[in-house]
Amino acid sequence: MYRLSQQKKERISRNLIAFMEKSEELSQEAATFIGNWILTDAKEKSKAYYDVWDLVLKRYMPTIRPVLYRSCKRRENGKIASFTGRIYCAHRFSESRGFLLICNTEETLQLSERQKYGEYQHTFFPISELLKKESQTSNCKFSKRLIDDYAKEDEYIMRVDTNWMYSCKWY
């Protein structure tokens, strides 16, 4: 089981944010966290993953504003989950069953921009952007295969809040 001390969770979350804000190199610890997140099945993800993402989502304000999609069997408010920027990917994961959640981040981030740093509620984190950015560094910490296979998924981490998302049933 993947475990992290509170100190490591803080360090990883700070480094992920600093890397995306261009002020720091991605640490090996943070790269390992991202690699493990990507390669670990949803049923195997431990509380440590979600604790780190909770810290990141409260503190990170993204600069991009995509429309995000998620396929799910049932809607669970408050859950931290993977979204995609491609409706095709959401459809492929759904197998045409369950629900499609749609979030216009342009609308939802306007609410978070008025909140204090560390208290954001409607933010997301762009994993695919992190992979692309790290792949352009001279000391890339991810394998070419991982970047090639997963950057195209256009993955984002976001908290499910159906009060600010559209929900449709797949037919």
N, C-alpha and C. Protein backbone atom coordinates (compact mmCIF):
# COMPACT_ATOMS: atom_id res chain seq x y z
N MET A 1 0.84 -1.18 0.00
CA MET A 1 0.00 0.00 0.00
C MET A 1 0.89 1.25 0.00
N TYR A 2 0.50 2.21 -0.80
CA TYR A 2 1.24 3.45 -0.93
C TYR A 2 0.95 4.35 0.27
N ARG A 3 1.99 4.69 1.02
CA ARG A 3 1.83 5.53 2.20
C ARG A 3 2.81 6.68 2.15
N LEU A 4 2.39 7.80 2.71
CA LEU A 4 3.24 8.99 2.78
C LEU A 4 3.04 9.66 4.13
N SER A 5 4.12 10.18 4.69
CA SER A 5 3.99 10.95 5.91
C SER A 5 3.35 12.29 5.56
N GLN A 6 2.85 12.99 6.56
CA GLN A 6 2.24 14.30 6.32
C GLN A 6 3.27 15.26 5.73
N GLN A 7 4.50 15.16 6.18
CA GLN A 7 5.57 16.01 5.66
C GLN A 7 5.81 15.75 4.16
N LYS A 8 5.81 14.49 3.75
CA LYS A 8 5.99 14.15 2.34
C LYS A 8 4.80 14.61 1.50
N LYS A 9 3.60 14.47 2.04
CA LYS A 9 2.41 14.94 1.32
C LYS A 9 2.52 16.44 1.06
N GLU A 10 2.91 17.18 2.07
CA GLU A 10 3.09 18.64 1.93
C GLU A 10 4.16 18.96 0.91
N ARG A 11 5.28 18.26 0.99
CA ARG A 11 6.41 18.52 0.09
C ARG A 11 6.02 18.23 -1.37
N ILE A 12 5.35 17.12 -1.60
CA ILE A 12 4.93 16.76 -2.96
C ILE A 12 3.93 17.77 -3.49
N SER A 13 2.94 18.13 -2.69
CA SER A 13 1.93 19.09 -3.16
C SER A 13 2.56 20.44 -3.47
N ARG A 14 3.45 20.91 -2.63
CA ARG A 14 4.13 22.20 -2.89
C ARG A 14 4.96 22.14 -4.16
N ASN A 15 5.66 21.02 -4.38
CA ASN A 15 6.50 20.90 -5.56
C ASN A 15 5.67 20.83 -6.84
N LEU A 16 4.56 20.10 -6.83
CA LEU A 16 3.70 20.03 -8.01
C LEU A 16 3.21 21.42 -8.41
N ILE A 17 2.79 22.19 -7.42
CA ILE A 17 2.31 23.54 -7.69
C ILE A 17 3.44 24.43 -8.18
N ALA A 18 4.58 24.40 -7.51
CA ALA A 18 5.72 25.24 -7.90
C ALA A 18 6.21 24.88 -9.30
N PHE A 19 6.21 23.61 -9.64
CA PHE A 19 6.63 23.20 -10.97
C PHE A 19 5.69 23.78 -12.03
N MET A 20 4.40 23.70 -11.80
CA MET A 20 3.44 24.21 -12.77
C MET A 20 3.48 25.74 -12.86
N GLU A 21 3.87 26.37 -11.78
CA GLU A 21 3.96 27.83 -11.77
C GLU A 21 5.35 28.31 -12.20
N LYS A 22 6.20 27.38 -12.68
CA LYS A 22 7.52 27.67 -13.27
C LYS A 22 8.59 28.13 -12.30
N SER A 23 8.41 27.89 -11.03
CA SER A 23 9.42 28.37 -10.10
C SER A 23 10.35 27.27 -9.57
N GLU A 24 10.09 26.03 -9.91
CA GLU A 24 10.88 24.91 -9.40
C GLU A 24 10.95 23.79 -10.40
N GLU A 25 12.01 22.98 -10.29
CA GLU A 25 12.12 21.76 -11.07
C GLU A 25 11.24 20.71 -10.39
N LEU A 26 10.69 19.79 -11.17
CA LEU A 26 9.89 18.71 -10.60
C LEU A 26 10.81 17.77 -9.83
N SER A 27 10.47 17.50 -8.58
CA SER A 27 11.29 16.62 -7.76
C SER A 27 11.04 15.16 -8.15
N GLN A 28 12.01 14.32 -7.85
CA GLN A 28 11.84 12.89 -8.14
C GLN A 28 10.68 12.33 -7.31
N GLU A 29 10.52 12.81 -6.11
CA GLU A 29 9.43 12.38 -5.22
C GLU A 29 8.06 12.69 -5.85
N ALA A 30 7.92 13.91 -6.40
CA ALA A 30 6.66 14.30 -7.04
C ALA A 30 6.45 13.52 -8.33
N ALA A 31 7.52 13.30 -9.10
CA ALA A 31 7.41 12.53 -10.34
C ALA A 31 6.99 11.09 -10.03
N THR A 32 7.52 10.51 -8.98
CA THR A 32 7.14 9.16 -8.57
C THR A 32 5.66 9.13 -8.19
N PHE A 33 5.22 10.15 -7.47
CA PHE A 33 3.80 10.25 -7.09
C PHE A 33 2.92 10.27 -8.33
N ILE A 34 3.25 11.11 -9.32
CA ILE A 34 2.45 11.22 -10.54
C ILE A 34 2.48 9.90 -11.31
N GLY A 35 3.66 9.31 -11.46
CA GLY A 35 3.77 8.03 -12.15
C GLY A 35 2.94 6.95 -11.48
N ASN A 36 3.01 6.88 -10.17
CA ASN A 36 2.21 5.89 -9.42
C ASN A 36 0.72 6.16 -9.57
N TRP A 37 0.32 7.42 -9.54
CA TRP A 37 -1.10 7.78 -9.70
C TRP A 37 -1.60 7.28 -11.06
N ILE A 38 -0.84 7.56 -12.09
CA ILE A 38 -1.24 7.18 -13.45
C ILE A 38 -1.33 5.67 -13.60
N LEU A 39 -0.38 4.95 -13.05
CA LEU A 39 -0.29 3.51 -13.28
C LEU A 39 -1.06 2.66 -12.28
N THR A 40 -1.63 3.28 -11.25
CA THR A 40 -2.37 2.54 -10.23
C THR A 40 -3.86 2.53 -10.57
N ASP A 41 -4.45 1.37 -10.50
CA ASP A 41 -5.88 1.20 -10.75
C ASP A 41 -6.69 1.93 -9.67
N ALA A 42 -7.86 2.39 -10.01
CA ALA A 42 -8.70 3.16 -9.09
C ALA A 42 -8.96 2.41 -7.78
N LYS A 43 -9.12 1.11 -7.85
CA LYS A 43 -9.41 0.32 -6.64
C LYS A 43 -8.20 0.22 -5.72
N GLU A 44 -7.01 0.45 -6.27
CA GLU A 44 -5.77 0.33 -5.48
C GLU A 44 -5.27 1.66 -4.94
N LYS A 45 -5.93 2.74 -5.28
CA LYS A 45 -5.46 4.05 -4.82
C LYS A 45 -5.79 4.23 -3.35
N SER A 46 -4.76 4.58 -2.60
CA SER A 46 -4.90 4.72 -1.15
C SER A 46 -5.21 6.16 -0.76
N LYS A 47 -5.48 6.34 0.50
CA LYS A 47 -5.80 7.66 1.05
C LYS A 47 -4.66 8.65 0.82
N ALA A 48 -3.43 8.20 0.79
CA ALA A 48 -2.28 9.09 0.60
C ALA A 48 -2.40 9.88 -0.71
N TYR A 49 -2.83 9.23 -1.77
CA TYR A 49 -3.01 9.92 -3.05
C TYR A 49 -4.01 11.07 -2.90
N TYR A 50 -5.15 10.76 -2.31
CA TYR A 50 -6.21 11.75 -2.20
C TYR A 50 -5.84 12.88 -1.24
N ASP A 51 -5.06 12.58 -0.23
CA ASP A 51 -4.59 13.64 0.68
C ASP A 51 -3.70 14.64 -0.05
N VAL A 52 -2.81 14.14 -0.91
CA VAL A 52 -1.94 15.03 -1.69
C VAL A 52 -2.79 15.87 -2.64
N TRP A 53 -3.72 15.23 -3.36
CA TRP A 53 -4.56 15.97 -4.30
C TRP A 53 -5.42 17.00 -3.58
N ASP A 54 -5.89 16.68 -2.40
CA ASP A 54 -6.67 17.64 -1.63
C ASP A 54 -5.85 18.89 -1.35
N LEU A 55 -4.60 18.72 -0.95
CA LEU A 55 -3.72 19.87 -0.70
C LEU A 55 -3.49 20.67 -1.98
N VAL A 56 -3.24 19.98 -3.08
CA VAL A 56 -2.99 20.65 -4.35
C VAL A 56 -4.22 21.44 -4.79
N LEU A 57 -5.38 20.81 -4.76
CA LEU A 57 -6.59 21.47 -5.25
C LEU A 57 -6.98 22.69 -4.42
N LYS A 58 -6.63 22.70 -3.16
CA LYS A 58 -6.92 23.86 -2.31
C LYS A 58 -5.98 25.04 -2.59
N ARG A 59 -4.81 24.74 -3.21
CA ARG A 59 -3.77 25.76 -3.35
C ARG A 59 -3.40 26.13 -4.79
N TYR A 60 -3.85 25.37 -5.76
CA TYR A 60 -3.43 25.59 -7.14
C TYR A 60 -4.52 26.27 -7.96
N MET A 61 -4.18 27.39 -8.60
CA MET A 61 -5.12 28.07 -9.49
C MET A 61 -4.59 27.90 -10.92
N PRO A 62 -5.25 27.08 -11.72
CA PRO A 62 -4.78 26.84 -13.09
C PRO A 62 -4.91 28.09 -13.97
N THR A 63 -4.08 28.14 -15.00
CA THR A 63 -4.12 29.28 -15.92
C THR A 63 -4.99 28.98 -17.13
N ILE A 64 -5.29 27.72 -17.38
CA ILE A 64 -6.13 27.34 -18.51
C ILE A 64 -7.57 27.12 -18.03
N ARG A 65 -8.54 27.16 -18.95
CA ARG A 65 -9.95 27.02 -18.59
C ARG A 65 -10.68 26.08 -19.55
N PRO A 66 -10.35 24.78 -19.55
CA PRO A 66 -11.00 23.85 -20.48
C PRO A 66 -12.37 23.40 -19.99
N VAL A 67 -13.12 22.78 -20.87
CA VAL A 67 -14.32 22.05 -20.49
C VAL A 67 -13.84 20.63 -20.17
N LEU A 68 -14.24 20.13 -19.01
CA LEU A 68 -13.78 18.80 -18.56
C LEU A 68 -14.94 17.82 -18.50
N TYR A 69 -14.63 16.55 -18.74
CA TYR A 69 -15.63 15.49 -18.79
C TYR A 69 -15.21 14.34 -17.88
N ARG A 70 -16.21 13.65 -17.34
CA ARG A 70 -15.94 12.46 -16.54
C ARG A 70 -17.09 11.47 -16.72
N SER A 71 -16.75 10.22 -16.94
CA SER A 71 -17.73 9.14 -16.96
C SER A 71 -17.76 8.51 -15.59
N CYS A 72 -18.94 8.21 -15.10
CA CYS A 72 -19.04 7.55 -13.80
C CYS A 72 -20.33 6.74 -13.73
N LYS A 73 -20.29 5.73 -12.90
CA LYS A 73 -21.49 4.90 -12.73
C LYS A 73 -22.53 5.59 -11.87
N ARG A 74 -22.04 6.35 -10.87
CA ARG A 74 -22.95 7.14 -10.02
C ARG A 74 -22.23 8.42 -9.63
N ARG A 75 -22.99 9.42 -9.30
CA ARG A 75 -22.43 10.74 -8.98
C ARG A 75 -22.13 10.80 -7.49
N GLU A 76 -20.87 11.06 -7.16
CA GLU A 76 -20.45 11.15 -5.76
C GLU A 76 -19.86 12.53 -5.51
N ASN A 77 -20.62 13.41 -4.89
CA ASN A 77 -20.14 14.75 -4.58
C ASN A 77 -18.98 14.71 -3.60
N GLY A 78 -18.01 15.59 -3.82
CA GLY A 78 -16.87 15.72 -2.92
C GLY A 78 -15.72 14.80 -3.24
N LYS A 79 -15.93 13.81 -4.08
CA LYS A 79 -14.90 12.85 -4.43
C LYS A 79 -13.86 13.50 -5.34
N ILE A 80 -12.60 13.26 -5.08
CA ILE A 80 -11.53 13.71 -5.97
C ILE A 80 -11.39 12.65 -7.05
N ALA A 81 -11.45 13.08 -8.32
CA ALA A 81 -11.49 12.12 -9.41
C ALA A 81 -10.76 12.64 -10.64
N SER A 82 -10.50 11.73 -11.56
CA SER A 82 -9.89 12.09 -12.84
C SER A 82 -10.97 12.54 -13.81
N PHE A 83 -10.67 13.60 -14.53
CA PHE A 83 -11.51 14.11 -15.60
C PHE A 83 -10.65 14.12 -16.86
N THR A 84 -11.27 14.31 -17.99
CA THR A 84 -10.54 14.43 -19.24
C THR A 84 -11.03 15.65 -20.01
N GLY A 85 -10.19 16.17 -20.85
CA GLY A 85 -10.56 17.29 -21.69
C GLY A 85 -11.13 16.83 -23.02
N ARG A 86 -11.30 15.52 -23.20
CA ARG A 86 -11.77 14.96 -24.46
C ARG A 86 -13.02 14.12 -24.24
N ILE A 87 -14.10 14.51 -24.83
CA ILE A 87 -15.34 13.76 -24.66
C ILE A 87 -15.19 12.34 -25.21
N TYR A 88 -14.36 12.16 -26.24
CA TYR A 88 -14.10 10.83 -26.78
C TYR A 88 -13.54 9.90 -25.70
N CYS A 89 -12.60 10.39 -24.90
CA CYS A 89 -12.02 9.57 -23.83
C CYS A 89 -13.08 9.21 -22.79
N ALA A 90 -13.91 10.18 -22.42
CA ALA A 90 -14.97 9.91 -21.44
C ALA A 90 -15.92 8.85 -21.98
N HIS A 91 -16.27 8.95 -23.26
CA HIS A 91 -17.17 7.97 -23.86
C HIS A 91 -16.53 6.58 -23.88
N ARG A 92 -15.26 6.51 -24.22
CA ARG A 92 -14.54 5.23 -24.26
C ARG A 92 -14.52 4.57 -22.88
N PHE A 93 -14.27 5.36 -21.82
CA PHE A 93 -14.23 4.82 -20.46
C PHE A 93 -15.61 4.38 -19.98
N SER A 94 -16.66 5.03 -20.46
CA SER A 94 -18.01 4.77 -19.96
C SER A 94 -18.63 3.48 -20.48
N GLU A 95 -18.17 3.05 -21.66
CA GLU A 95 -18.81 1.92 -22.34
C GLU A 95 -20.30 2.20 -22.53
N SER A 96 -20.64 3.49 -22.72
CA SER A 96 -22.01 3.97 -22.95
C SER A 96 -22.97 3.67 -21.80
N ARG A 97 -22.44 3.59 -20.58
CA ARG A 97 -23.28 3.35 -19.41
C ARG A 97 -22.97 4.40 -18.34
N GLY A 98 -23.93 4.62 -17.46
CA GLY A 98 -23.73 5.54 -16.34
C GLY A 98 -23.96 6.98 -16.74
N PHE A 99 -23.18 7.87 -16.13
CA PHE A 99 -23.38 9.30 -16.30
C PHE A 99 -22.16 9.96 -16.93
N LEU A 100 -22.42 11.07 -17.58
CA LEU A 100 -21.37 11.93 -18.09
C LEU A 100 -21.46 13.24 -17.31
N LEU A 101 -20.38 13.61 -16.62
CA LEU A 101 -20.31 14.89 -15.93
C LEU A 101 -19.55 15.85 -16.83
N ILE A 102 -20.06 17.06 -16.95
CA ILE A 102 -19.44 18.09 -17.78
C ILE A 102 -19.23 19.32 -16.92
N CYS A 103 -18.00 19.83 -16.90
CA CYS A 103 -17.69 21.01 -16.09
C CYS A 103 -17.04 22.08 -16.97
N ASN A 104 -17.66 23.23 -17.04
CA ASN A 104 -17.08 24.38 -17.72
C ASN A 104 -16.23 25.11 -16.69
N THR A 105 -14.93 24.90 -16.73
CA THR A 105 -14.05 25.46 -15.70
C THR A 105 -13.97 26.98 -15.78
N GLU A 106 -14.30 27.56 -16.92
CA GLU A 106 -14.34 29.02 -17.04
C GLU A 106 -15.34 29.59 -16.02
N GLU A 107 -16.48 28.93 -15.89
CA GLU A 107 -17.52 29.37 -14.95
C GLU A 107 -17.15 29.06 -13.51
N THR A 108 -16.71 27.83 -13.25
CA THR A 108 -16.48 27.42 -11.87
C THR A 108 -15.26 28.11 -11.25
N LEU A 109 -14.24 28.39 -12.05
CA LEU A 109 -13.04 29.02 -11.49
C LEU A 109 -13.26 30.48 -11.10
N GLN A 110 -14.26 31.11 -11.67
CA GLN A 110 -14.57 32.48 -11.27
C GLN A 110 -14.94 32.52 -9.79
N LEU A 111 -15.55 31.45 -9.30
CA LEU A 111 -15.90 31.38 -7.88
C LEU A 111 -14.66 31.23 -7.01
N SER A 112 -13.74 30.37 -7.43
CA SER A 112 -12.53 30.13 -6.64
C SER A 112 -11.58 31.31 -6.66
N GLU A 113 -11.57 32.09 -7.74
CA GLU A 113 -10.66 33.23 -7.83
C GLU A 113 -10.93 34.25 -6.72
N ARG A 114 -12.14 34.25 -6.20
CA ARG A 114 -12.51 35.18 -5.13
C ARG A 114 -12.17 34.64 -3.74
N GLN A 115 -11.75 33.38 -3.68
CA GLN A 115 -11.42 32.77 -2.40
C GLN A 115 -9.94 32.95 -2.09
N LYS A 116 -9.59 32.77 -0.84
CA LYS A 116 -8.19 32.89 -0.41
C LYS A 116 -7.38 31.68 -0.85
N TYR A 117 -6.08 31.92 -1.08
CA TYR A 117 -5.15 30.84 -1.37
C TYR A 117 -5.24 29.81 -0.24
N GLY A 118 -5.31 28.56 -0.60
CA GLY A 118 -5.41 27.49 0.40
C GLY A 118 -6.84 27.11 0.73
N GLU A 119 -7.79 27.85 0.15
CA GLU A 119 -9.20 27.56 0.40
C GLU A 119 -9.99 27.39 -0.90
N TYR A 120 -9.28 27.21 -2.03
CA TYR A 120 -9.97 27.05 -3.31
C TYR A 120 -10.84 25.81 -3.27
N GLN A 121 -12.00 25.89 -3.91
CA GLN A 121 -12.92 24.76 -3.90
C GLN A 121 -13.23 24.20 -5.29
N HIS A 122 -13.02 24.98 -6.34
CA HIS A 122 -13.44 24.56 -7.68
C HIS A 122 -12.28 24.43 -8.66
N THR A 123 -11.07 24.22 -8.16
CA THR A 123 -9.92 24.16 -9.05
C THR A 123 -9.69 22.74 -9.55
N PHE A 124 -8.74 22.62 -10.46
CA PHE A 124 -8.35 21.32 -11.01
C PHE A 124 -6.85 21.36 -11.24
N PHE A 125 -6.27 20.19 -11.47
CA PHE A 125 -4.84 20.10 -11.74
C PHE A 125 -4.62 19.35 -13.04
N PRO A 126 -3.90 19.95 -14.01
CA PRO A 126 -3.71 19.33 -15.33
C PRO A 126 -2.52 18.37 -15.40
N ILE A 127 -2.77 17.09 -15.18
CA ILE A 127 -1.69 16.10 -15.22
C ILE A 127 -1.05 16.05 -16.61
N SER A 128 -1.86 16.11 -17.66
CA SER A 128 -1.30 16.03 -19.01
C SER A 128 -0.37 17.20 -19.29
N GLU A 129 -0.70 18.38 -18.78
CA GLU A 129 0.19 19.54 -18.96
C GLU A 129 1.50 19.34 -18.21
N LEU A 130 1.43 18.76 -17.02
CA LEU A 130 2.63 18.47 -16.26
C LEU A 130 3.53 17.50 -17.03
N LEU A 131 2.95 16.46 -17.60
CA LEU A 131 3.73 15.48 -18.38
C LEU A 131 4.39 16.15 -19.59
N LYS A 132 3.64 16.98 -20.30
CA LYS A 132 4.18 17.67 -21.47
C LYS A 132 5.30 18.63 -21.07
N LYS A 133 5.08 19.36 -20.00
CA LYS A 133 6.09 20.31 -19.54
C LYS A 133 7.38 19.59 -19.10
N GLU A 134 7.23 18.52 -18.35
CA GLU A 134 8.39 17.77 -17.88
C GLU A 134 9.13 17.10 -19.04
N SER A 135 8.40 16.67 -20.07
CA SER A 135 9.03 16.02 -21.21
C SER A 135 9.96 16.97 -21.97
N GLN A 136 9.77 18.26 -21.81
CA GLN A 136 10.59 19.26 -22.50
C GLN A 136 11.82 19.68 -21.71
N THR A 137 11.97 19.14 -20.50
CA THR A 137 13.15 19.47 -19.70
C THR A 137 14.31 18.56 -20.10
N SER A 138 15.52 19.00 -19.79
CA SER A 138 16.70 18.22 -20.15
C SER A 138 16.87 16.98 -19.27
N ASN A 139 16.26 16.99 -18.09
CA ASN A 139 16.39 15.88 -17.15
C ASN A 139 15.00 15.30 -16.85
N CYS A 140 14.29 14.85 -17.89
CA CYS A 140 12.92 14.36 -17.73
C CYS A 140 12.89 13.14 -16.80
N LYS A 141 11.99 13.18 -15.84
CA LYS A 141 11.90 12.11 -14.84
C LYS A 141 10.89 11.02 -15.20
N PHE A 142 10.24 11.14 -16.36
CA PHE A 142 9.29 10.14 -16.81
C PHE A 142 9.84 9.43 -18.04
N SER A 143 9.45 8.19 -18.21
CA SER A 143 9.87 7.46 -19.40
C SER A 143 9.12 8.01 -20.62
N LYS A 144 9.73 7.86 -21.77
CA LYS A 144 9.09 8.31 -23.02
C LYS A 144 7.77 7.57 -23.21
N ARG A 145 7.75 6.30 -22.86
CA ARG A 145 6.53 5.49 -23.00
C ARG A 145 5.39 6.04 -22.15
N LEU A 146 5.68 6.37 -20.89
CA LEU A 146 4.64 6.91 -20.01
C LEU A 146 4.09 8.21 -20.59
N ILE A 147 4.96 9.08 -21.04
CA ILE A 147 4.52 10.36 -21.61
C ILE A 147 3.70 10.12 -22.87
N ASP A 148 4.20 9.28 -23.78
CA ASP A 148 3.49 9.01 -25.03
C ASP A 148 2.12 8.37 -24.78
N ASP A 149 2.05 7.46 -23.82
CA ASP A 149 0.79 6.74 -23.56
C ASP A 149 -0.24 7.57 -22.79
N TYR A 150 0.20 8.43 -21.88
CA TYR A 150 -0.75 9.08 -20.99
C TYR A 150 -0.98 10.57 -21.21
N ALA A 151 -0.07 11.26 -21.85
CA ALA A 151 -0.29 12.69 -22.10
C ALA A 151 -1.50 12.88 -23.02
N LYS A 152 -1.72 11.96 -23.94
CA LYS A 152 -2.84 12.09 -24.88
C LYS A 152 -4.21 11.87 -24.21
N GLU A 153 -4.22 11.30 -23.00
CA GLU A 153 -5.49 11.11 -22.28
C GLU A 153 -6.07 12.44 -21.80
N ASP A 154 -5.24 13.46 -21.79
CA ASP A 154 -5.67 14.81 -21.39
C ASP A 154 -6.34 14.76 -20.01
N GLU A 155 -5.61 14.21 -19.03
CA GLU A 155 -6.16 13.97 -17.69
C GLU A 155 -6.00 15.18 -16.77
N TYR A 156 -7.03 15.40 -15.97
CA TYR A 156 -7.06 16.45 -14.97
C TYR A 156 -7.59 15.84 -13.68
N ILE A 157 -7.16 16.39 -12.55
CA ILE A 157 -7.68 15.96 -11.25
C ILE A 157 -8.58 17.08 -10.74
N MET A 158 -9.77 16.71 -10.31
CA MET A 158 -10.75 17.70 -9.87
C MET A 158 -11.68 17.06 -8.84
N ARG A 159 -12.24 17.89 -7.99
CA ARG A 159 -13.23 17.42 -7.02
C ARG A 159 -14.61 17.44 -7.69
N VAL A 160 -15.35 16.35 -7.57
CA VAL A 160 -16.69 16.28 -8.15
C VAL A 160 -17.63 17.15 -7.31
N ASP A 161 -18.29 18.09 -7.98
CA ASP A 161 -19.28 18.94 -7.34
C ASP A 161 -20.43 19.11 -8.33
N THR A 162 -21.42 18.25 -8.22
CA THR A 162 -22.51 18.25 -9.20
C THR A 162 -23.38 19.50 -9.13
N ASN A 163 -23.19 20.33 -8.11
CA ASN A 163 -23.89 21.61 -8.08
C ASN A 163 -23.36 22.56 -9.14
N TRP A 164 -22.12 22.33 -9.60
CA TRP A 164 -21.48 23.21 -10.58
C TRP A 164 -21.12 22.46 -11.85
N MET A 165 -21.71 21.30 -12.06
CA MET A 165 -21.44 20.50 -13.25
C MET A 165 -22.75 20.07 -13.88
N TYR A 166 -22.69 19.85 -15.15
CA TYR A 166 -23.83 19.30 -15.86
C TYR A 166 -23.72 17.79 -15.80
N SER A 167 -24.86 17.12 -15.68
CA SER A 167 -24.87 15.67 -15.59
C SER A 167 -25.85 15.14 -16.63
N CYS A 168 -25.37 14.20 -17.43
CA CYS A 168 -26.20 13.57 -18.46
C CYS A 168 -26.09 12.06 -18.32
N LYS A 169 -27.11 11.36 -18.75
CA LYS A 169 -27.07 9.91 -18.75
C LYS A 169 -26.67 9.46 -20.16
N TRP A 170 -25.73 8.50 -20.24
CA TRP A 170 -25.33 7.96 -21.54
C TRP A 170 -26.48 7.15 -22.14
N TYR A 171 -26.69 7.26 -23.43
CA TYR A 171 -27.68 6.45 -24.15
C TYR A 171 -27.01 5.74 -25.29
